[in-house]
C-alpha cells in the first residue's frame, strides 16, 4: 500500500542450487509397526480363550488383537470353530475408549453367529470402566475362566 508498487518482474527469483546441502532432507520412511505378542490363545470346546499379555491395551494394539481373534474364529481348518470368546485380562492395567469401541464392534460381529464375549480377571480400573459405561451388561465379567466359559456357552 505504501511505497512503490511491485510488479512481477520486481520479485527476486529463487536461487536454484544443485548443491545437495541446500535441499531439504527426504521424508523419513514409514516403518511397519513391530509385531508384539498381544495374547496367547487356547480353544476349549466352542470358546476361544485369549489371555492378553500386554499391560496397556489401546488403539492400534486393540485392532491387532481383534484381527488375531478373527483369524482364530474364521479358521476353516478347525474341527469345531470357536463361537465365543473369553478375554483373560489378568495382565491389563489400562484400556482406552478406542479399545472399548473395537471390542463392541467385535461383539456385534460375533453376535451374528450367536456368539458372546466374556471378560475374566479384570483389574479394578478395567472393571470400573466397564461398569461405569454399563458395558458389563454386554460383556459379563467373571472371576475365573471356567465360569466365563459356562456363562457364554449357557447363554447361546
N, C-alpha and C. Protein backbone atom coordinates (compact mmCIF):
# COMPACT_ATOMS: atom_id res chain seq x y z
N UNK A 1 0.82 -1.16 0.00
CA UNK A 1 0.00 0.00 0.00
C UNK A 1 0.88 1.25 0.00
N UNK A 2 1.89 1.29 0.83
CA UNK A 2 2.78 2.43 0.84
C UNK A 2 3.99 2.11 -0.02
N UNK A 3 4.57 3.11 -0.57
CA UNK A 3 5.78 2.91 -1.35
C UNK A 3 5.48 2.56 -2.79
N UNK A 4 6.47 2.10 -3.46
CA UNK A 4 6.40 1.80 -4.87
C UNK A 4 5.72 0.44 -5.10
N UNK A 5 4.73 0.38 -6.01
CA UNK A 5 4.06 -0.90 -6.27
C UNK A 5 5.04 -1.90 -6.91
N UNK A 6 4.89 -3.14 -6.55
CA UNK A 6 5.76 -4.17 -7.11
C UNK A 6 5.10 -4.80 -8.32
N UNK A 7 5.91 -5.10 -9.25
CA UNK A 7 5.46 -5.84 -10.42
C UNK A 7 6.07 -7.22 -10.35
N UNK A 8 5.52 -8.12 -11.07
CA UNK A 8 6.02 -9.48 -11.02
C UNK A 8 7.49 -9.55 -11.41
N UNK A 9 7.94 -8.61 -12.25
CA UNK A 9 9.35 -8.62 -12.64
C UNK A 9 10.25 -8.11 -11.52
N UNK A 10 9.66 -7.44 -10.49
CA UNK A 10 10.45 -6.93 -9.38
C UNK A 10 10.78 -8.00 -8.34
N UNK A 11 10.10 -9.13 -8.38
CA UNK A 11 10.31 -10.16 -7.37
C UNK A 11 11.68 -10.77 -7.56
N UNK A 12 12.25 -11.13 -6.44
CA UNK A 12 13.56 -11.77 -6.51
C UNK A 12 13.39 -13.21 -6.95
N UNK A 13 14.11 -13.61 -7.96
CA UNK A 13 13.99 -15.00 -8.37
C UNK A 13 14.62 -15.90 -7.33
N UNK A 14 14.01 -17.09 -7.16
CA UNK A 14 14.54 -18.04 -6.20
C UNK A 14 15.81 -18.64 -6.78
N UNK A 15 16.78 -18.69 -5.93
CA UNK A 15 18.04 -19.28 -6.39
C UNK A 15 17.88 -20.78 -6.41
N UNK A 16 18.22 -21.36 -7.52
CA UNK A 16 18.17 -22.81 -7.59
C UNK A 16 19.59 -23.31 -7.47
N UNK A 17 19.74 -24.22 -6.57
CA UNK A 17 21.07 -24.71 -6.31
C UNK A 17 21.10 -26.21 -6.54
N UNK A 18 22.16 -26.66 -7.11
CA UNK A 18 22.33 -28.09 -7.29
C UNK A 18 23.12 -28.68 -6.14
N UNK A 19 23.42 -27.87 -5.16
CA UNK A 19 24.17 -28.33 -4.01
C UNK A 19 23.25 -29.16 -3.11
N UNK A 20 23.57 -30.44 -2.84
CA UNK A 20 22.70 -31.29 -2.02
C UNK A 20 22.51 -30.75 -0.60
N UNK A 21 23.45 -29.98 -0.10
CA UNK A 21 23.32 -29.43 1.25
C UNK A 21 22.21 -28.40 1.33
N UNK A 22 21.84 -27.78 0.20
CA UNK A 22 20.79 -26.77 0.18
C UNK A 22 19.39 -27.38 0.08
N UNK A 23 19.29 -28.63 -0.28
CA UNK A 23 17.98 -29.29 -0.44
C UNK A 23 17.45 -29.75 0.91
N UNK A 24 16.14 -29.73 1.05
CA UNK A 24 15.57 -30.25 2.31
C UNK A 24 15.79 -31.76 2.37
N UNK A 25 15.89 -32.31 3.57
CA UNK A 25 16.10 -33.76 3.67
C UNK A 25 14.86 -34.52 3.20
N UNK A 26 15.04 -35.73 2.67
CA UNK A 26 13.87 -36.51 2.24
C UNK A 26 13.06 -36.93 3.47
N UNK A 27 11.78 -37.17 3.29
CA UNK A 27 10.95 -37.58 4.43
C UNK A 27 11.42 -38.93 4.97
N UNK A 28 11.23 -39.11 6.27
CA UNK A 28 11.60 -40.37 6.90
C UNK A 28 10.69 -41.48 6.37
N UNK A 29 11.25 -42.64 6.06
CA UNK A 29 10.38 -43.74 5.60
C UNK A 29 9.54 -44.24 6.76
N UNK A 30 8.33 -44.64 6.46
CA UNK A 30 7.45 -45.17 7.49
C UNK A 30 7.72 -46.66 7.62
N UNK A 31 8.14 -47.03 8.77
CA UNK A 31 8.43 -48.44 9.01
C UNK A 31 7.18 -49.14 9.51
N UNK A 32 7.01 -50.40 9.15
CA UNK A 32 5.86 -51.12 9.68
C UNK A 32 6.01 -51.27 11.19
N UNK A 33 4.86 -51.27 11.88
CA UNK A 33 4.89 -51.41 13.33
C UNK A 33 5.44 -52.78 13.70
N UNK A 34 6.19 -52.79 14.77
CA UNK A 34 6.74 -54.04 15.27
C UNK A 34 5.60 -54.91 15.76
N UNK A 35 5.62 -56.19 15.38
CA UNK A 35 4.55 -57.09 15.80
C UNK A 35 4.84 -57.58 17.21
N UNK A 36 3.95 -57.27 18.13
CA UNK A 36 4.07 -57.72 19.51
C UNK A 36 3.18 -58.93 19.70
N UNK A 37 3.54 -59.76 20.64
CA UNK A 37 2.66 -60.84 21.03
C UNK A 37 1.65 -60.23 21.99
N UNK A 38 0.43 -60.12 21.53
CA UNK A 38 -0.61 -59.45 22.32
C UNK A 38 -1.39 -60.40 23.22
N UNK A 39 -1.43 -61.68 22.81
CA UNK A 39 -2.21 -62.64 23.59
C UNK A 39 -1.76 -64.06 23.26
N UNK A 40 -2.07 -64.96 24.17
CA UNK A 40 -1.93 -66.38 23.89
C UNK A 40 -3.35 -66.94 23.75
N UNK A 41 -3.49 -67.98 22.96
CA UNK A 41 -4.83 -68.47 22.63
C UNK A 41 -4.95 -69.96 22.92
N UNK A 42 -6.14 -70.32 23.39
CA UNK A 42 -6.45 -71.72 23.62
C UNK A 42 -7.94 -71.90 23.36
N UNK A 43 -8.29 -72.93 22.62
CA UNK A 43 -9.70 -73.17 22.34
C UNK A 43 -10.18 -74.31 23.21
N UNK A 44 -11.25 -74.06 23.97
CA UNK A 44 -11.88 -75.06 24.81
C UNK A 44 -13.32 -75.22 24.34
N UNK A 45 -13.59 -76.30 23.65
CA UNK A 45 -14.92 -76.50 23.07
C UNK A 45 -15.19 -75.46 21.99
N UNK A 46 -16.29 -74.75 22.14
CA UNK A 46 -16.66 -73.71 21.18
C UNK A 46 -16.21 -72.33 21.62
N UNK A 47 -15.33 -72.27 22.65
CA UNK A 47 -14.91 -70.98 23.20
C UNK A 47 -13.42 -70.78 23.02
N UNK A 48 -13.06 -69.62 22.52
CA UNK A 48 -11.66 -69.22 22.38
C UNK A 48 -11.29 -68.39 23.61
N UNK A 49 -10.25 -68.84 24.33
CA UNK A 49 -9.76 -68.09 25.48
C UNK A 49 -8.52 -67.34 25.04
N UNK A 50 -8.59 -66.02 25.08
CA UNK A 50 -7.47 -65.15 24.70
C UNK A 50 -6.93 -64.50 25.96
N UNK A 51 -5.72 -64.90 26.37
CA UNK A 51 -5.08 -64.30 27.54
C UNK A 51 -4.20 -63.16 27.05
N UNK A 52 -4.64 -61.95 27.31
CA UNK A 52 -3.94 -60.76 26.83
C UNK A 52 -2.65 -60.60 27.64
N UNK A 53 -1.53 -60.38 26.93
CA UNK A 53 -0.21 -60.35 27.57
C UNK A 53 0.35 -58.94 27.76
N UNK A 54 -0.30 -57.92 27.24
CA UNK A 54 0.21 -56.55 27.37
C UNK A 54 -0.48 -55.85 28.55
N UNK A 55 0.19 -54.85 29.11
CA UNK A 55 -0.37 -54.13 30.26
C UNK A 55 -1.33 -53.02 29.85
N UNK A 56 -1.07 -52.41 28.70
CA UNK A 56 -1.93 -51.32 28.23
C UNK A 56 -2.51 -51.73 26.88
N UNK A 57 -3.81 -51.66 26.77
CA UNK A 57 -4.47 -52.06 25.54
C UNK A 57 -5.21 -50.85 24.99
N UNK A 58 -4.69 -50.33 23.87
CA UNK A 58 -5.28 -49.14 23.28
C UNK A 58 -5.20 -49.23 21.78
N UNK A 59 -5.94 -48.34 21.11
CA UNK A 59 -5.97 -48.15 19.67
C UNK A 59 -5.39 -49.23 18.78
N UNK A 60 -4.17 -49.03 18.25
CA UNK A 60 -3.60 -49.97 17.28
C UNK A 60 -3.43 -51.38 17.83
N UNK A 61 -3.03 -51.50 19.11
CA UNK A 61 -2.89 -52.84 19.69
C UNK A 61 -4.23 -53.55 19.76
N UNK A 62 -5.28 -52.82 20.10
CA UNK A 62 -6.61 -53.42 20.17
C UNK A 62 -7.07 -53.89 18.79
N UNK A 63 -6.77 -53.11 17.76
CA UNK A 63 -7.10 -53.52 16.39
C UNK A 63 -6.36 -54.79 16.01
N UNK A 64 -5.06 -54.84 16.34
CA UNK A 64 -4.27 -56.03 16.04
C UNK A 64 -4.80 -57.24 16.79
N UNK A 65 -5.20 -57.05 18.05
CA UNK A 65 -5.73 -58.15 18.85
C UNK A 65 -7.01 -58.70 18.23
N UNK A 66 -7.92 -57.82 17.84
CA UNK A 66 -9.17 -58.30 17.24
C UNK A 66 -8.92 -58.96 15.89
N UNK A 67 -7.92 -58.51 15.16
CA UNK A 67 -7.56 -59.17 13.89
C UNK A 67 -7.10 -60.59 14.17
N UNK A 68 -6.26 -60.76 15.19
CA UNK A 68 -5.80 -62.10 15.56
C UNK A 68 -6.98 -62.98 15.99
N UNK A 69 -7.88 -62.43 16.79
CA UNK A 69 -9.03 -63.19 17.27
C UNK A 69 -9.92 -63.60 16.09
N UNK A 70 -10.13 -62.69 15.16
CA UNK A 70 -10.97 -63.02 13.99
C UNK A 70 -10.34 -64.14 13.17
N UNK A 71 -9.00 -64.15 13.09
CA UNK A 71 -8.33 -65.25 12.37
C UNK A 71 -8.64 -66.58 13.04
N UNK A 72 -8.63 -66.59 14.36
CA UNK A 72 -8.96 -67.82 15.07
C UNK A 72 -10.40 -68.23 14.82
N UNK A 73 -11.31 -67.25 14.83
CA UNK A 73 -12.73 -67.56 14.64
C UNK A 73 -13.02 -68.02 13.23
N UNK A 74 -12.29 -67.47 12.26
CA UNK A 74 -12.54 -67.79 10.85
C UNK A 74 -11.68 -68.93 10.33
N UNK A 75 -11.02 -69.67 11.23
CA UNK A 75 -10.11 -70.74 10.82
C UNK A 75 -10.90 -71.89 10.18
N UNK A 76 -10.75 -72.09 8.86
CA UNK A 76 -11.50 -73.16 8.20
C UNK A 76 -10.96 -74.55 8.53
N UNK A 77 -9.75 -74.63 9.08
CA UNK A 77 -9.15 -75.93 9.38
C UNK A 77 -9.56 -76.48 10.74
N UNK A 78 -10.22 -75.68 11.54
CA UNK A 78 -10.62 -76.13 12.89
C UNK A 78 -11.73 -77.16 12.78
N UNK A 79 -11.63 -78.21 13.61
CA UNK A 79 -12.68 -79.23 13.63
C UNK A 79 -14.01 -78.62 14.04
N UNK A 80 -14.00 -77.93 15.15
CA UNK A 80 -15.17 -77.19 15.61
C UNK A 80 -14.76 -75.74 15.76
N UNK A 81 -15.25 -74.88 14.91
CA UNK A 81 -14.85 -73.47 15.01
C UNK A 81 -15.35 -72.84 16.31
N UNK A 82 -14.55 -71.94 16.84
CA UNK A 82 -14.93 -71.23 18.07
C UNK A 82 -16.07 -70.27 17.76
N UNK A 83 -16.99 -70.18 18.68
CA UNK A 83 -18.12 -69.26 18.52
C UNK A 83 -18.05 -68.13 19.54
N UNK A 84 -17.53 -68.44 20.73
CA UNK A 84 -17.49 -67.49 21.82
C UNK A 84 -16.04 -67.09 22.13
N UNK A 85 -15.89 -65.97 22.84
CA UNK A 85 -14.56 -65.50 23.23
C UNK A 85 -14.57 -65.15 24.71
N UNK A 86 -13.53 -65.59 25.39
CA UNK A 86 -13.28 -65.16 26.76
C UNK A 86 -11.95 -64.43 26.74
N UNK A 87 -11.97 -63.16 27.12
CA UNK A 87 -10.74 -62.37 27.22
C UNK A 87 -10.27 -62.43 28.66
N UNK A 88 -9.10 -63.04 28.86
CA UNK A 88 -8.48 -63.07 30.18
C UNK A 88 -7.59 -61.84 30.28
N UNK A 89 -7.99 -60.89 31.10
CA UNK A 89 -7.32 -59.59 31.18
C UNK A 89 -6.44 -59.45 32.42
N UNK A 90 -5.88 -60.57 32.89
CA UNK A 90 -5.10 -60.55 34.12
C UNK A 90 -3.89 -59.63 34.06
N UNK A 91 -3.35 -59.36 32.87
CA UNK A 91 -2.17 -58.50 32.74
C UNK A 91 -2.50 -57.06 32.40
N UNK A 92 -3.74 -56.79 32.05
CA UNK A 92 -4.12 -55.46 31.55
C UNK A 92 -4.40 -54.50 32.70
N UNK A 93 -3.63 -53.42 32.74
CA UNK A 93 -3.82 -52.39 33.75
C UNK A 93 -4.60 -51.19 33.21
N UNK A 94 -4.53 -51.00 31.88
CA UNK A 94 -5.13 -49.81 31.25
C UNK A 94 -5.78 -50.20 29.94
N UNK A 95 -6.94 -49.64 29.72
CA UNK A 95 -7.65 -49.85 28.46
C UNK A 95 -8.30 -48.52 28.09
N UNK A 96 -8.14 -48.07 26.85
CA UNK A 96 -8.72 -46.78 26.47
C UNK A 96 -10.05 -46.96 25.75
N UNK A 97 -10.69 -45.84 25.45
CA UNK A 97 -12.01 -45.88 24.82
C UNK A 97 -11.95 -46.47 23.42
N UNK A 98 -10.84 -46.31 22.73
CA UNK A 98 -10.69 -46.92 21.40
C UNK A 98 -10.76 -48.43 21.48
N UNK A 99 -10.15 -48.98 22.50
CA UNK A 99 -10.18 -50.43 22.70
C UNK A 99 -11.61 -50.90 23.00
N UNK A 100 -12.30 -50.14 23.84
CA UNK A 100 -13.69 -50.48 24.17
C UNK A 100 -14.53 -50.49 22.90
N UNK A 101 -14.37 -49.47 22.06
CA UNK A 101 -15.12 -49.40 20.81
C UNK A 101 -14.84 -50.59 19.90
N UNK A 102 -13.58 -50.98 19.82
CA UNK A 102 -13.21 -52.13 18.98
C UNK A 102 -13.80 -53.42 19.54
N UNK A 103 -13.83 -53.54 20.87
CA UNK A 103 -14.43 -54.73 21.48
C UNK A 103 -15.94 -54.79 21.22
N UNK A 104 -16.60 -53.64 21.23
CA UNK A 104 -18.03 -53.60 20.92
C UNK A 104 -18.27 -54.01 19.47
N UNK A 105 -17.41 -53.53 18.56
CA UNK A 105 -17.51 -53.94 17.15
C UNK A 105 -17.34 -55.45 17.00
N UNK A 106 -16.37 -56.02 17.71
CA UNK A 106 -16.15 -57.46 17.67
C UNK A 106 -17.35 -58.20 18.22
N UNK A 107 -17.92 -57.71 19.31
CA UNK A 107 -19.12 -58.34 19.87
C UNK A 107 -20.26 -58.32 18.87
N UNK A 108 -20.48 -57.19 18.21
CA UNK A 108 -21.55 -57.11 17.21
C UNK A 108 -21.32 -58.11 16.09
N UNK A 109 -20.08 -58.28 15.69
CA UNK A 109 -19.77 -59.22 14.60
C UNK A 109 -20.03 -60.67 15.01
N UNK A 110 -19.64 -61.05 16.22
CA UNK A 110 -19.82 -62.46 16.59
C UNK A 110 -21.25 -62.76 17.05
N UNK A 111 -22.01 -61.73 17.42
CA UNK A 111 -23.41 -61.96 17.79
C UNK A 111 -24.23 -62.40 16.59
N UNK A 112 -23.77 -62.07 15.38
CA UNK A 112 -24.47 -62.52 14.18
C UNK A 112 -24.48 -64.04 14.07
N UNK A 113 -23.46 -64.69 14.64
CA UNK A 113 -23.42 -66.15 14.64
C UNK A 113 -23.73 -66.70 16.04
N UNK A 114 -24.49 -65.93 16.81
CA UNK A 114 -24.93 -66.31 18.16
C UNK A 114 -23.77 -66.47 19.14
N UNK A 115 -22.69 -65.72 18.93
CA UNK A 115 -21.55 -65.79 19.83
C UNK A 115 -21.63 -64.73 20.91
N UNK A 116 -20.84 -64.94 21.98
CA UNK A 116 -20.79 -63.99 23.09
C UNK A 116 -19.35 -63.78 23.51
N UNK A 117 -19.12 -62.70 24.24
CA UNK A 117 -17.80 -62.39 24.79
C UNK A 117 -17.95 -62.19 26.29
N UNK A 118 -17.04 -62.79 27.05
CA UNK A 118 -16.98 -62.56 28.49
C UNK A 118 -15.57 -62.11 28.84
N UNK A 119 -15.46 -61.40 29.96
CA UNK A 119 -14.17 -60.93 30.46
C UNK A 119 -13.88 -61.63 31.77
N UNK A 120 -12.59 -61.90 31.99
CA UNK A 120 -12.20 -62.58 33.22
C UNK A 120 -10.92 -61.95 33.75
N UNK A 121 -10.76 -61.99 35.07
CA UNK A 121 -9.57 -61.47 35.74
C UNK A 121 -9.31 -59.99 35.42
N UNK A 122 -10.37 -59.21 35.41
CA UNK A 122 -10.21 -57.78 35.12
C UNK A 122 -9.64 -57.08 36.34
N UNK A 123 -8.72 -56.16 36.11
CA UNK A 123 -8.20 -55.33 37.19
C UNK A 123 -9.26 -54.33 37.62
N UNK A 124 -9.01 -53.67 38.73
CA UNK A 124 -10.01 -52.72 39.25
C UNK A 124 -10.31 -51.60 38.25
N UNK A 125 -9.28 -51.05 37.60
CA UNK A 125 -9.51 -49.95 36.65
C UNK A 125 -10.35 -50.39 35.46
N UNK A 126 -10.03 -51.55 34.92
CA UNK A 126 -10.76 -52.05 33.74
C UNK A 126 -12.20 -52.40 34.12
N UNK A 127 -12.37 -53.07 35.24
CA UNK A 127 -13.73 -53.42 35.68
C UNK A 127 -14.56 -52.16 35.94
N UNK A 128 -13.96 -51.17 36.57
CA UNK A 128 -14.65 -49.90 36.83
C UNK A 128 -15.09 -49.25 35.52
N UNK A 129 -14.22 -49.28 34.51
CA UNK A 129 -14.54 -48.69 33.21
C UNK A 129 -15.76 -49.37 32.58
N UNK A 130 -15.81 -50.70 32.64
CA UNK A 130 -16.94 -51.43 32.07
C UNK A 130 -18.22 -51.18 32.86
N UNK A 131 -18.11 -51.07 34.17
CA UNK A 131 -19.31 -50.81 34.99
C UNK A 131 -19.78 -49.37 34.81
N UNK A 132 -18.85 -48.44 34.74
CA UNK A 132 -19.20 -47.03 34.56
C UNK A 132 -19.96 -46.82 33.25
N UNK A 133 -19.52 -47.48 32.20
CA UNK A 133 -20.17 -47.35 30.89
C UNK A 133 -21.33 -48.32 30.72
N UNK A 134 -21.58 -49.11 31.74
CA UNK A 134 -22.64 -50.14 31.74
C UNK A 134 -22.44 -51.20 30.67
N UNK A 135 -21.23 -51.33 30.19
CA UNK A 135 -20.94 -52.37 29.21
C UNK A 135 -20.79 -53.74 29.85
N UNK A 136 -20.77 -53.78 31.18
CA UNK A 136 -20.75 -55.08 31.85
C UNK A 136 -22.05 -55.85 31.61
N UNK A 137 -23.07 -55.16 31.11
CA UNK A 137 -24.31 -55.83 30.72
C UNK A 137 -24.14 -56.62 29.43
N UNK A 138 -23.24 -56.14 28.57
CA UNK A 138 -22.97 -56.83 27.30
C UNK A 138 -21.80 -57.80 27.42
N UNK A 139 -20.84 -57.45 28.27
CA UNK A 139 -19.65 -58.26 28.48
C UNK A 139 -19.67 -58.76 29.93
N UNK A 140 -20.17 -59.96 30.18
CA UNK A 140 -20.18 -60.46 31.56
C UNK A 140 -18.74 -60.50 32.10
N UNK A 141 -18.57 -60.08 33.34
CA UNK A 141 -17.26 -60.09 33.99
C UNK A 141 -17.27 -61.21 35.02
N UNK A 142 -16.35 -62.16 34.84
CA UNK A 142 -16.29 -63.33 35.70
C UNK A 142 -14.95 -63.37 36.44
N UNK A 143 -14.90 -64.15 37.50
CA UNK A 143 -13.68 -64.26 38.30
C UNK A 143 -12.72 -65.31 37.77
N UNK A 144 -13.21 -66.36 37.09
CA UNK A 144 -12.30 -67.37 36.55
C UNK A 144 -12.75 -67.82 35.16
N UNK A 145 -11.83 -68.42 34.45
CA UNK A 145 -12.05 -68.79 33.04
C UNK A 145 -13.18 -69.80 32.90
N UNK A 146 -13.22 -70.83 33.74
CA UNK A 146 -14.25 -71.86 33.62
C UNK A 146 -15.65 -71.28 33.81
N UNK A 147 -15.79 -70.35 34.75
CA UNK A 147 -17.09 -69.70 34.96
C UNK A 147 -17.47 -68.88 33.74
N UNK A 148 -16.49 -68.18 33.14
CA UNK A 148 -16.75 -67.37 31.96
C UNK A 148 -17.18 -68.25 30.78
N UNK A 149 -16.52 -69.39 30.62
CA UNK A 149 -16.91 -70.31 29.54
C UNK A 149 -18.34 -70.79 29.77
N UNK A 150 -18.67 -71.13 30.99
CA UNK A 150 -20.03 -71.57 31.33
C UNK A 150 -21.04 -70.48 30.99
N UNK A 151 -20.72 -69.23 31.31
CA UNK A 151 -21.64 -68.11 31.08
C UNK A 151 -21.88 -67.90 29.58
N UNK A 152 -20.84 -67.91 28.77
CA UNK A 152 -21.03 -67.64 27.33
C UNK A 152 -21.70 -68.80 26.62
N UNK A 153 -21.38 -70.04 27.02
CA UNK A 153 -21.99 -71.18 26.34
C UNK A 153 -23.42 -71.42 26.78
N UNK A 154 -23.74 -71.11 28.03
CA UNK A 154 -25.10 -71.29 28.52
C UNK A 154 -26.04 -70.29 27.86
N UNK A 155 -25.58 -69.08 27.63
CA UNK A 155 -26.43 -68.03 27.07
C UNK A 155 -26.67 -68.23 25.58
N UNK A 156 -25.88 -69.06 24.93
CA UNK A 156 -26.00 -69.23 23.47
C UNK A 156 -27.20 -70.03 23.06
